[in-house]
């Protein structure tokens, strides 16, 4: 039997990570498992802009895209409980990170370079990989972005395994995180648990 949460998550779940890490495919399955709506921030940005993300990059440039992305994610975080997949650069923005920390639980889907190269090669709609060496671009993005992704509440390795297995890991890690968060909120007047040897 697949693992389930013992309780409804108290906040929206935000998936972060590089392109190809599986944020959309894992996010859809996680939302279905938890009985929550799934929202893809990139699709919402395209809807708001009236054009595709590659077209937006070409017309207005990356800074304008990041500004629109920031506004869309802030709006989505005001909505009811959901699983939210974000674009690879979204968590780089300090304001967005602060907002996610305040209103949601963040989950970093971490993947190896070879797997990211393999997965992103299947789709041609990645503006940052256009007209470049995709492997080298992804390697540089890993160097740049991983320290920011590491600030997420939870990290789950998204390996070359069936998607449902990764969802299992996300659910188990989320449950452990929520349990730990509940423990840290126990009033100090209650007896403290004995120290656990690692």
N, C-alpha and C. Protein backbone atom coordinates (compact mmCIF):
# COMPACT_ATOMS: atom_id res chain seq x y z
N UNK A 1 0.84 -1.20 0.00
CA UNK A 1 0.00 0.00 0.00
C UNK A 1 0.88 1.25 0.00
N UNK A 2 0.52 2.22 -0.82
CA UNK A 2 1.29 3.46 -0.90
C UNK A 2 1.12 4.28 0.38
N UNK A 3 2.19 4.96 0.83
CA UNK A 3 2.07 5.78 2.04
C UNK A 3 1.15 6.97 1.82
N UNK A 4 0.44 7.35 2.88
CA UNK A 4 -0.45 8.51 2.88
C UNK A 4 -0.10 9.38 4.08
N UNK A 5 -0.44 10.65 4.01
CA UNK A 5 -0.29 11.51 5.18
C UNK A 5 -1.34 11.17 6.21
N UNK A 6 -0.99 11.28 7.48
CA UNK A 6 -1.96 11.01 8.55
C UNK A 6 -2.92 12.18 8.75
N UNK A 7 -2.54 13.33 8.20
CA UNK A 7 -3.40 14.50 8.32
C UNK A 7 -3.23 15.36 7.08
N UNK A 8 -4.19 16.22 6.88
CA UNK A 8 -4.11 17.15 5.75
C UNK A 8 -2.96 18.12 5.99
N UNK A 9 -2.13 18.41 4.98
CA UNK A 9 -1.05 19.38 5.21
C UNK A 9 -1.63 20.74 5.57
N UNK A 10 -1.02 21.43 6.52
CA UNK A 10 -1.57 22.72 6.96
C UNK A 10 -1.37 23.85 5.96
N UNK A 11 -0.44 23.66 5.04
CA UNK A 11 -0.13 24.72 4.08
C UNK A 11 0.01 24.13 2.67
N UNK A 12 -0.03 25.02 1.69
CA UNK A 12 0.24 24.63 0.31
C UNK A 12 1.63 24.00 0.22
N UNK A 13 1.78 23.01 -0.65
CA UNK A 13 3.07 22.36 -0.89
C UNK A 13 3.67 22.91 -2.18
N UNK A 14 4.84 23.49 -2.09
CA UNK A 14 5.50 24.11 -3.24
C UNK A 14 6.70 23.27 -3.65
N UNK A 15 6.70 22.80 -4.89
CA UNK A 15 7.80 22.01 -5.41
C UNK A 15 8.79 22.91 -6.12
N UNK A 16 10.07 22.79 -5.75
CA UNK A 16 11.12 23.58 -6.37
C UNK A 16 12.20 22.64 -6.91
N UNK A 17 13.02 23.14 -7.82
CA UNK A 17 14.09 22.33 -8.39
C UNK A 17 14.33 22.71 -9.83
N UNK A 18 15.39 22.15 -10.40
CA UNK A 18 15.76 22.46 -11.78
C UNK A 18 14.77 21.89 -12.78
N UNK A 19 14.78 22.43 -13.98
CA UNK A 19 13.98 21.87 -15.06
C UNK A 19 14.38 20.41 -15.27
N UNK A 20 13.38 19.56 -15.42
CA UNK A 20 13.65 18.14 -15.60
C UNK A 20 13.67 17.34 -14.31
N UNK A 21 13.55 18.01 -13.16
CA UNK A 21 13.59 17.29 -11.89
C UNK A 21 12.30 16.51 -11.63
N UNK A 22 11.23 16.86 -12.35
CA UNK A 22 9.97 16.12 -12.18
C UNK A 22 8.91 16.87 -11.41
N UNK A 23 9.05 18.20 -11.31
CA UNK A 23 8.11 18.96 -10.48
C UNK A 23 6.66 18.82 -10.95
N UNK A 24 6.45 18.80 -12.28
CA UNK A 24 5.08 18.69 -12.79
C UNK A 24 4.56 17.27 -12.66
N UNK A 25 5.34 16.29 -13.12
CA UNK A 25 4.84 14.90 -13.07
C UNK A 25 4.68 14.41 -11.64
N UNK A 26 5.63 14.72 -10.77
CA UNK A 26 5.52 14.32 -9.37
C UNK A 26 4.42 15.13 -8.69
N UNK A 27 4.35 16.41 -9.03
CA UNK A 27 3.34 17.28 -8.41
C UNK A 27 1.93 16.81 -8.70
N UNK A 28 1.66 16.43 -9.95
CA UNK A 28 0.32 15.94 -10.30
C UNK A 28 -0.04 14.70 -9.50
N UNK A 29 0.91 13.78 -9.41
CA UNK A 29 0.66 12.53 -8.69
C UNK A 29 0.53 12.76 -7.19
N UNK A 30 1.35 13.67 -6.66
CA UNK A 30 1.27 13.99 -5.23
C UNK A 30 -0.08 14.62 -4.90
N UNK A 31 -0.53 15.54 -5.75
CA UNK A 31 -1.83 16.18 -5.53
C UNK A 31 -2.95 15.14 -5.55
N UNK A 32 -2.89 14.22 -6.51
CA UNK A 32 -3.92 13.17 -6.59
C UNK A 32 -3.88 12.29 -5.35
N UNK A 33 -2.68 11.96 -4.88
CA UNK A 33 -2.54 11.12 -3.69
C UNK A 33 -3.15 11.79 -2.45
N UNK A 34 -2.97 13.11 -2.37
CA UNK A 34 -3.42 13.84 -1.18
C UNK A 34 -4.82 14.43 -1.34
N UNK A 35 -5.41 14.27 -2.52
CA UNK A 35 -6.74 14.82 -2.75
C UNK A 35 -6.75 16.34 -2.80
N UNK A 36 -5.69 16.92 -3.35
CA UNK A 36 -5.57 18.38 -3.45
C UNK A 36 -5.50 18.80 -4.92
N UNK A 37 -5.86 20.04 -5.22
CA UNK A 37 -5.69 20.51 -6.59
C UNK A 37 -4.21 20.69 -6.91
N UNK A 38 -3.85 20.49 -8.19
CA UNK A 38 -2.49 20.73 -8.65
C UNK A 38 -2.48 21.97 -9.52
N UNK A 39 -1.49 22.83 -9.29
CA UNK A 39 -1.35 24.05 -10.09
C UNK A 39 0.09 24.15 -10.58
N UNK A 40 0.27 24.39 -11.86
CA UNK A 40 1.59 24.59 -12.46
C UNK A 40 1.78 26.10 -12.64
N UNK A 41 2.73 26.67 -11.91
CA UNK A 41 2.93 28.12 -11.97
C UNK A 41 3.26 28.59 -13.38
N UNK A 42 4.04 27.78 -14.13
CA UNK A 42 4.39 28.19 -15.49
C UNK A 42 3.15 28.32 -16.38
N UNK A 43 2.21 27.39 -16.23
CA UNK A 43 0.97 27.48 -17.00
C UNK A 43 0.16 28.71 -16.62
N UNK A 44 0.17 29.03 -15.33
CA UNK A 44 -0.56 30.24 -14.87
C UNK A 44 0.11 31.51 -15.41
N UNK A 45 1.44 31.49 -15.49
CA UNK A 45 2.17 32.65 -16.05
C UNK A 45 1.82 32.81 -17.52
N UNK A 46 1.78 31.70 -18.26
CA UNK A 46 1.44 31.77 -19.68
C UNK A 46 0.01 32.28 -19.87
N UNK A 47 -0.89 31.84 -18.99
CA UNK A 47 -2.28 32.30 -19.08
C UNK A 47 -2.36 33.81 -18.83
N UNK A 48 -1.62 34.28 -17.82
CA UNK A 48 -1.65 35.70 -17.49
C UNK A 48 -0.99 36.54 -18.59
N UNK A 49 0.07 36.00 -19.20
CA UNK A 49 0.81 36.75 -20.22
C UNK A 49 0.17 36.67 -21.59
N UNK A 50 -0.64 35.64 -21.81
CA UNK A 50 -1.26 35.46 -23.12
C UNK A 50 -0.31 34.93 -24.17
N UNK A 51 0.81 34.33 -23.74
CA UNK A 51 1.76 33.74 -24.68
C UNK A 51 2.57 32.68 -23.94
N UNK A 52 3.33 31.88 -24.69
CA UNK A 52 4.15 30.85 -24.06
C UNK A 52 5.35 31.47 -23.37
N UNK A 53 5.97 30.72 -22.46
CA UNK A 53 7.15 31.23 -21.76
C UNK A 53 8.31 31.50 -22.73
N UNK A 54 8.59 30.60 -23.70
CA UNK A 54 9.65 30.94 -24.66
C UNK A 54 9.38 32.24 -25.42
N UNK A 55 8.11 32.46 -25.79
CA UNK A 55 7.75 33.71 -26.49
C UNK A 55 7.95 34.91 -25.58
N UNK A 56 7.59 34.75 -24.29
CA UNK A 56 7.74 35.85 -23.34
C UNK A 56 9.21 36.20 -23.18
N UNK A 57 10.06 35.18 -23.04
CA UNK A 57 11.51 35.42 -22.94
C UNK A 57 12.02 36.19 -24.15
N UNK A 58 11.56 35.78 -25.32
CA UNK A 58 12.05 36.38 -26.56
C UNK A 58 11.60 37.83 -26.70
N UNK A 59 10.37 38.10 -26.30
CA UNK A 59 9.82 39.46 -26.47
C UNK A 59 10.31 40.43 -25.40
N UNK A 60 10.33 39.96 -24.14
CA UNK A 60 10.54 40.90 -23.02
C UNK A 60 11.81 40.63 -22.21
N UNK A 61 12.41 39.46 -22.36
CA UNK A 61 13.63 39.15 -21.62
C UNK A 61 13.35 38.49 -20.28
N UNK A 62 14.42 37.95 -19.69
CA UNK A 62 14.27 37.21 -18.43
C UNK A 62 13.87 38.08 -17.24
N UNK A 63 14.44 39.30 -17.06
CA UNK A 63 14.04 40.11 -15.90
C UNK A 63 12.53 40.35 -15.84
N UNK A 64 11.92 40.67 -16.99
CA UNK A 64 10.47 40.91 -17.02
C UNK A 64 9.72 39.63 -16.69
N UNK A 65 10.24 38.49 -17.18
CA UNK A 65 9.60 37.22 -16.86
C UNK A 65 9.63 36.96 -15.37
N UNK A 66 10.80 37.20 -14.73
CA UNK A 66 10.92 36.94 -13.29
C UNK A 66 9.99 37.82 -12.48
N UNK A 67 9.80 39.04 -12.93
CA UNK A 67 8.87 39.94 -12.22
C UNK A 67 7.44 39.41 -12.31
N UNK A 68 7.04 38.98 -13.52
CA UNK A 68 5.71 38.40 -13.67
C UNK A 68 5.56 37.11 -12.88
N UNK A 69 6.60 36.30 -12.88
CA UNK A 69 6.59 35.04 -12.12
C UNK A 69 6.38 35.31 -10.64
N UNK A 70 7.07 36.32 -10.11
CA UNK A 70 6.96 36.67 -8.70
C UNK A 70 5.51 37.04 -8.35
N UNK A 71 4.89 37.83 -9.20
CA UNK A 71 3.51 38.27 -8.94
C UNK A 71 2.54 37.09 -9.01
N UNK A 72 2.71 36.24 -10.01
CA UNK A 72 1.80 35.09 -10.17
C UNK A 72 1.91 34.14 -8.98
N UNK A 73 3.13 33.84 -8.56
CA UNK A 73 3.31 32.92 -7.42
C UNK A 73 2.73 33.52 -6.14
N UNK A 74 2.90 34.82 -5.94
CA UNK A 74 2.31 35.47 -4.76
C UNK A 74 0.79 35.33 -4.79
N UNK A 75 0.20 35.49 -5.96
CA UNK A 75 -1.26 35.33 -6.07
C UNK A 75 -1.68 33.89 -5.78
N UNK A 76 -0.93 32.94 -6.32
CA UNK A 76 -1.27 31.53 -6.12
C UNK A 76 -1.15 31.13 -4.65
N UNK A 77 -0.19 31.71 -3.95
CA UNK A 77 -0.01 31.37 -2.53
C UNK A 77 -1.11 31.96 -1.66
N UNK A 78 -1.90 32.86 -2.22
CA UNK A 78 -3.06 33.41 -1.51
C UNK A 78 -4.28 32.51 -1.65
N UNK A 79 -4.21 31.53 -2.53
CA UNK A 79 -5.35 30.66 -2.80
C UNK A 79 -5.39 29.48 -1.81
N UNK A 80 -6.50 28.73 -1.79
CA UNK A 80 -6.61 27.61 -0.85
C UNK A 80 -5.54 26.55 -1.08
N UNK A 81 -5.46 25.64 -0.13
CA UNK A 81 -4.48 24.56 -0.12
C UNK A 81 -4.36 23.86 -1.47
N UNK A 82 -3.11 23.67 -1.93
CA UNK A 82 -2.86 23.07 -3.24
C UNK A 82 -1.44 22.53 -3.29
N UNK A 83 -1.13 21.79 -4.34
CA UNK A 83 0.25 21.43 -4.66
C UNK A 83 0.65 22.32 -5.82
N UNK A 84 1.72 23.09 -5.63
CA UNK A 84 2.14 24.11 -6.60
C UNK A 84 3.52 23.78 -7.14
N UNK A 85 3.61 23.59 -8.45
CA UNK A 85 4.89 23.38 -9.12
C UNK A 85 5.40 24.72 -9.62
N UNK A 86 6.66 25.03 -9.32
CA UNK A 86 7.22 26.31 -9.75
C UNK A 86 8.31 26.11 -10.80
N UNK A 87 8.58 27.15 -11.56
CA UNK A 87 9.66 27.11 -12.54
C UNK A 87 11.01 27.03 -11.85
N UNK A 88 12.03 26.59 -12.60
CA UNK A 88 13.34 26.35 -12.01
C UNK A 88 13.98 27.57 -11.37
N UNK A 89 13.67 28.77 -11.87
CA UNK A 89 14.29 29.97 -11.34
C UNK A 89 13.49 30.68 -10.26
N UNK A 90 12.28 30.24 -10.01
CA UNK A 90 11.40 30.96 -9.10
C UNK A 90 11.96 31.09 -7.69
N UNK A 91 12.56 30.01 -7.17
CA UNK A 91 13.02 29.99 -5.78
C UNK A 91 14.31 30.79 -5.61
N UNK A 92 14.88 31.25 -6.71
CA UNK A 92 16.07 32.10 -6.64
C UNK A 92 15.72 33.50 -6.14
N UNK A 93 14.48 33.88 -6.32
CA UNK A 93 14.04 35.22 -5.95
C UNK A 93 13.83 35.31 -4.43
N UNK A 94 14.51 36.25 -3.78
CA UNK A 94 14.46 36.35 -2.32
C UNK A 94 13.04 36.60 -1.82
N UNK A 95 12.28 37.46 -2.52
CA UNK A 95 10.91 37.75 -2.09
C UNK A 95 10.03 36.51 -2.20
N UNK A 96 10.20 35.76 -3.28
CA UNK A 96 9.41 34.54 -3.46
C UNK A 96 9.78 33.51 -2.40
N UNK A 97 11.09 33.35 -2.11
CA UNK A 97 11.50 32.41 -1.06
C UNK A 97 10.89 32.78 0.28
N UNK A 98 10.91 34.06 0.59
CA UNK A 98 10.35 34.52 1.87
C UNK A 98 8.85 34.25 1.94
N UNK A 99 8.16 34.48 0.83
CA UNK A 99 6.72 34.26 0.79
C UNK A 99 6.39 32.78 0.92
N UNK A 100 7.16 31.93 0.23
CA UNK A 100 6.95 30.49 0.33
C UNK A 100 7.20 30.03 1.77
N UNK A 101 8.25 30.54 2.39
CA UNK A 101 8.57 30.16 3.78
C UNK A 101 7.42 30.54 4.72
N UNK A 102 6.79 31.66 4.42
CA UNK A 102 5.73 32.18 5.29
C UNK A 102 4.40 31.45 5.08
N UNK A 103 4.11 31.08 3.83
CA UNK A 103 2.75 30.59 3.52
C UNK A 103 2.67 29.13 3.09
N UNK A 104 3.81 28.47 2.90
CA UNK A 104 3.77 27.12 2.32
C UNK A 104 4.86 26.24 2.92
N UNK A 105 4.86 24.98 2.54
CA UNK A 105 5.96 24.06 2.82
C UNK A 105 6.65 23.79 1.47
N UNK A 106 7.96 23.96 1.43
CA UNK A 106 8.70 23.80 0.18
C UNK A 106 9.40 22.45 0.13
N UNK A 107 9.38 21.85 -1.05
CA UNK A 107 9.99 20.54 -1.28
C UNK A 107 10.90 20.63 -2.49
N UNK A 108 12.19 20.37 -2.27
CA UNK A 108 13.17 20.38 -3.36
C UNK A 108 13.27 18.99 -3.95
N UNK A 109 12.94 18.86 -5.22
CA UNK A 109 13.16 17.62 -5.96
C UNK A 109 14.55 17.71 -6.58
N UNK A 110 15.48 16.96 -6.02
CA UNK A 110 16.88 17.01 -6.43
C UNK A 110 17.18 15.86 -7.40
N UNK A 111 17.85 16.17 -8.50
CA UNK A 111 18.16 15.14 -9.49
C UNK A 111 19.59 15.29 -9.97
N UNK A 112 20.18 14.18 -10.41
CA UNK A 112 21.54 14.18 -10.92
C UNK A 112 21.58 14.82 -12.32
N UNK A 113 22.76 15.31 -12.69
CA UNK A 113 22.93 16.01 -13.96
C UNK A 113 22.55 15.13 -15.15
N UNK A 114 23.03 13.89 -15.18
CA UNK A 114 22.74 13.02 -16.32
C UNK A 114 21.23 12.85 -16.53
N UNK A 115 20.51 12.72 -15.43
CA UNK A 115 19.06 12.53 -15.53
C UNK A 115 18.38 13.81 -16.04
N UNK A 116 18.84 14.96 -15.57
CA UNK A 116 18.27 16.23 -16.03
C UNK A 116 18.52 16.42 -17.53
N UNK A 117 19.72 16.08 -17.99
CA UNK A 117 20.04 16.20 -19.42
C UNK A 117 19.11 15.30 -20.23
N UNK A 118 18.95 14.07 -19.76
CA UNK A 118 18.10 13.10 -20.46
C UNK A 118 16.65 13.58 -20.52
N UNK A 119 16.13 14.08 -19.42
CA UNK A 119 14.73 14.49 -19.37
C UNK A 119 14.46 15.76 -20.16
N UNK A 120 15.36 16.74 -20.05
CA UNK A 120 15.11 18.02 -20.74
C UNK A 120 15.28 17.89 -22.24
N UNK A 121 16.01 16.87 -22.71
CA UNK A 121 16.19 16.67 -24.15
C UNK A 121 14.89 16.30 -24.83
N UNK A 122 13.90 15.84 -24.05
CA UNK A 122 12.62 15.42 -24.63
C UNK A 122 11.73 16.60 -25.00
N UNK A 123 12.04 17.78 -24.47
CA UNK A 123 11.17 18.94 -24.71
C UNK A 123 11.98 20.10 -25.25
N UNK A 124 11.42 20.80 -26.24
CA UNK A 124 12.14 21.91 -26.85
C UNK A 124 11.71 23.28 -26.36
N UNK A 125 10.97 23.34 -25.26
CA UNK A 125 10.43 24.63 -24.80
C UNK A 125 11.15 25.15 -23.56
N UNK A 126 12.48 24.98 -23.52
CA UNK A 126 13.27 25.43 -22.38
C UNK A 126 14.12 26.63 -22.83
N UNK A 127 13.67 27.86 -22.56
CA UNK A 127 14.40 29.03 -23.06
C UNK A 127 15.87 29.07 -22.65
N UNK A 128 16.18 28.66 -21.43
CA UNK A 128 17.56 28.75 -20.95
C UNK A 128 18.48 27.73 -21.62
N UNK A 129 17.90 26.71 -22.27
CA UNK A 129 18.71 25.69 -22.93
C UNK A 129 18.80 25.92 -24.44
N UNK A 130 18.15 26.97 -24.91
CA UNK A 130 18.13 27.24 -26.35
C UNK A 130 19.47 27.78 -26.82
N UNK A 131 19.93 27.29 -27.97
CA UNK A 131 21.18 27.78 -28.57
C UNK A 131 22.38 27.68 -27.63
N UNK A 132 22.52 26.57 -26.94
CA UNK A 132 23.64 26.39 -26.03
C UNK A 132 23.92 24.91 -25.86
N UNK A 133 24.96 24.60 -25.11
CA UNK A 133 25.26 23.22 -24.75
C UNK A 133 24.40 22.89 -23.53
N UNK A 134 23.32 22.13 -23.71
CA UNK A 134 22.38 21.90 -22.60
C UNK A 134 23.05 21.34 -21.35
N UNK A 135 23.97 20.38 -21.52
CA UNK A 135 24.63 19.78 -20.36
C UNK A 135 25.42 20.81 -19.56
N UNK A 136 26.20 21.63 -20.27
CA UNK A 136 27.00 22.64 -19.59
C UNK A 136 26.10 23.70 -18.93
N UNK A 137 25.02 24.07 -19.61
CA UNK A 137 24.09 25.04 -19.03
C UNK A 137 23.46 24.49 -17.76
N UNK A 138 23.03 23.23 -17.80
CA UNK A 138 22.43 22.62 -16.61
C UNK A 138 23.46 22.49 -15.48
N UNK A 139 24.70 22.17 -15.83
CA UNK A 139 25.73 22.05 -14.80
C UNK A 139 25.93 23.40 -14.09
N UNK A 140 25.98 24.48 -14.89
CA UNK A 140 26.14 25.81 -14.30
C UNK A 140 24.93 26.20 -13.46
N UNK A 141 23.73 25.84 -13.94
CA UNK A 141 22.52 26.13 -13.18
C UNK A 141 22.52 25.38 -11.85
N UNK A 142 23.01 24.14 -11.86
CA UNK A 142 23.11 23.38 -10.61
C UNK A 142 24.01 24.11 -9.61
N UNK A 143 25.18 24.56 -10.10
CA UNK A 143 26.13 25.27 -9.24
C UNK A 143 25.49 26.52 -8.64
N UNK A 144 24.77 27.24 -9.48
CA UNK A 144 24.17 28.51 -9.07
C UNK A 144 22.96 28.32 -8.16
N UNK A 145 22.10 27.37 -8.51
CA UNK A 145 20.80 27.29 -7.85
C UNK A 145 20.71 26.32 -6.68
N UNK A 146 21.54 25.29 -6.66
CA UNK A 146 21.42 24.31 -5.59
C UNK A 146 21.52 24.91 -4.18
N UNK A 147 22.41 25.89 -3.94
CA UNK A 147 22.44 26.47 -2.59
C UNK A 147 21.11 27.13 -2.18
N UNK A 148 20.37 27.62 -3.15
CA UNK A 148 19.06 28.22 -2.86
C UNK A 148 18.01 27.14 -2.64
N UNK A 149 18.01 26.13 -3.53
CA UNK A 149 17.06 25.02 -3.35
C UNK A 149 17.27 24.34 -2.01
N UNK A 150 18.52 24.31 -1.53
CA UNK A 150 18.82 23.65 -0.26
C UNK A 150 18.16 24.33 0.93
N UNK A 151 17.63 25.54 0.72
CA UNK A 151 16.91 26.24 1.79
C UNK A 151 15.46 25.76 1.91
N UNK A 152 15.03 24.87 1.01
CA UNK A 152 13.67 24.33 1.09
C UNK A 152 13.50 23.52 2.39
N UNK A 153 12.25 23.38 2.81
CA UNK A 153 11.96 22.65 4.05
C UNK A 153 12.35 21.18 3.95
N UNK A 154 12.14 20.60 2.78
CA UNK A 154 12.32 19.16 2.57
C UNK A 154 13.09 18.94 1.29
N UNK A 155 13.99 17.96 1.28
CA UNK A 155 14.71 17.58 0.07
C UNK A 155 14.43 16.11 -0.23
N UNK A 156 14.03 15.82 -1.46
CA UNK A 156 13.78 14.45 -1.89
C UNK A 156 14.52 14.22 -3.20
N UNK A 157 15.29 13.13 -3.27
CA UNK A 157 16.00 12.80 -4.51
C UNK A 157 15.02 12.24 -5.54
N UNK A 158 15.01 12.87 -6.70
CA UNK A 158 14.15 12.44 -7.80
C UNK A 158 15.01 11.66 -8.77
N UNK A 159 15.17 10.38 -8.51
CA UNK A 159 16.07 9.55 -9.32
C UNK A 159 15.37 8.94 -10.51
N UNK A 160 16.08 8.07 -11.18
CA UNK A 160 15.55 7.40 -12.37
C UNK A 160 14.75 6.18 -11.93
N UNK A 161 13.58 6.46 -11.35
CA UNK A 161 12.71 5.41 -10.82
C UNK A 161 11.28 5.76 -11.19
N UNK A 162 10.32 4.82 -11.05
CA UNK A 162 8.93 5.17 -11.33
C UNK A 162 8.48 6.38 -10.51
N UNK A 163 7.68 7.23 -11.15
CA UNK A 163 7.25 8.47 -10.50
C UNK A 163 6.54 8.21 -9.17
N UNK A 164 5.74 7.15 -9.11
CA UNK A 164 5.00 6.86 -7.87
C UNK A 164 5.95 6.55 -6.71
N UNK A 165 7.12 5.98 -7.03
CA UNK A 165 8.11 5.72 -5.97
C UNK A 165 8.65 7.03 -5.40
N UNK A 166 8.86 8.00 -6.28
CA UNK A 166 9.30 9.32 -5.81
C UNK A 166 8.21 9.98 -4.99
N UNK A 167 6.95 9.83 -5.41
CA UNK A 167 5.84 10.37 -4.62
C UNK A 167 5.83 9.74 -3.23
N UNK A 168 6.07 8.42 -3.16
CA UNK A 168 6.16 7.75 -1.85
C UNK A 168 7.18 8.44 -0.97
N UNK A 169 8.34 8.73 -1.54
CA UNK A 169 9.42 9.37 -0.77
C UNK A 169 9.01 10.77 -0.31
N UNK A 170 8.33 11.49 -1.20
CA UNK A 170 7.87 12.83 -0.83
C UNK A 170 6.89 12.76 0.34
N UNK A 171 5.92 11.84 0.25
CA UNK A 171 4.91 11.71 1.31
C UNK A 171 5.57 11.32 2.63
N UNK A 172 6.50 10.37 2.58
CA UNK A 172 7.18 9.93 3.81
C UNK A 172 8.02 11.06 4.41
N UNK A 173 8.72 11.81 3.57
CA UNK A 173 9.54 12.92 4.04
C UNK A 173 8.67 14.05 4.59
N UNK A 174 7.55 14.30 3.93
CA UNK A 174 6.62 15.34 4.40
C UNK A 174 6.02 14.96 5.74
N UNK A 175 5.64 13.69 5.90
CA UNK A 175 5.09 13.25 7.18
C UNK A 175 6.11 13.41 8.30
N UNK A 176 7.36 13.03 8.04
CA UNK A 176 8.42 13.17 9.04
C UNK A 176 8.63 14.65 9.39
N UNK A 177 8.58 15.50 8.37
CA UNK A 177 8.75 16.94 8.60
C UNK A 177 7.61 17.49 9.46
N UNK A 178 6.38 17.11 9.13
CA UNK A 178 5.22 17.60 9.89
C UNK A 178 5.26 17.07 11.32
N UNK A 179 5.67 15.82 11.50
CA UNK A 179 5.79 15.26 12.85
C UNK A 179 6.81 16.04 13.66
N UNK A 180 7.95 16.34 13.04
CA UNK A 180 9.00 17.08 13.72
C UNK A 180 8.56 18.49 14.06
N UNK A 181 7.82 19.10 13.12
CA UNK A 181 7.32 20.46 13.35
C UNK A 181 6.34 20.48 14.51
N UNK A 182 5.49 19.45 14.59
CA UNK A 182 4.53 19.35 15.69
C UNK A 182 5.27 19.18 17.02
N UNK A 183 6.33 18.37 17.01
CA UNK A 183 7.11 18.14 18.24
C UNK A 183 7.74 19.42 18.75
N UNK A 184 8.22 20.26 17.83
CA UNK A 184 8.89 21.49 18.26
C UNK A 184 7.91 22.53 18.78
N UNK A 185 6.61 22.30 18.53
CA UNK A 185 5.60 23.24 19.01
C UNK A 185 4.98 22.81 20.33
N UNK A 186 5.48 21.70 20.92
CA UNK A 186 4.97 21.24 22.21
C UNK A 186 5.33 22.26 23.27
N UNK A 187 4.36 22.69 24.12
CA UNK A 187 4.67 23.68 25.16
C UNK A 187 5.77 23.17 26.09
N UNK A 188 6.62 24.09 26.57
CA UNK A 188 7.75 23.70 27.40
C UNK A 188 7.32 23.15 28.75
N UNK A 189 6.08 23.38 29.14
CA UNK A 189 5.61 22.89 30.44
C UNK A 189 5.47 21.38 30.46
N UNK A 190 5.36 20.76 29.26
CA UNK A 190 5.26 19.30 29.20
C UNK A 190 6.63 18.69 29.37
N UNK A 191 6.66 17.46 29.83
CA UNK A 191 7.93 16.78 30.04
C UNK A 191 8.64 16.61 28.70
N UNK A 192 9.95 16.79 28.72
CA UNK A 192 10.73 16.68 27.50
C UNK A 192 11.07 15.23 27.21
N UNK A 193 11.02 14.80 25.94
CA UNK A 193 11.38 13.42 25.62
C UNK A 193 12.87 13.18 25.85
N UNK A 194 13.20 11.93 26.10
CA UNK A 194 14.60 11.58 26.29
C UNK A 194 15.35 11.77 24.97
N UNK A 195 16.63 12.10 25.08
CA UNK A 195 17.44 12.30 23.89
C UNK A 195 17.59 10.99 23.14
N UNK A 196 17.51 11.05 21.84
CA UNK A 196 17.66 9.87 21.01
C UNK A 196 19.09 9.81 20.48
N UNK A 197 19.70 8.66 20.64
CA UNK A 197 21.05 8.49 20.14
C UNK A 197 21.03 8.33 18.64
N UNK A 198 21.87 9.05 17.92
CA UNK A 198 21.90 8.93 16.46
C UNK A 198 22.82 7.79 16.05
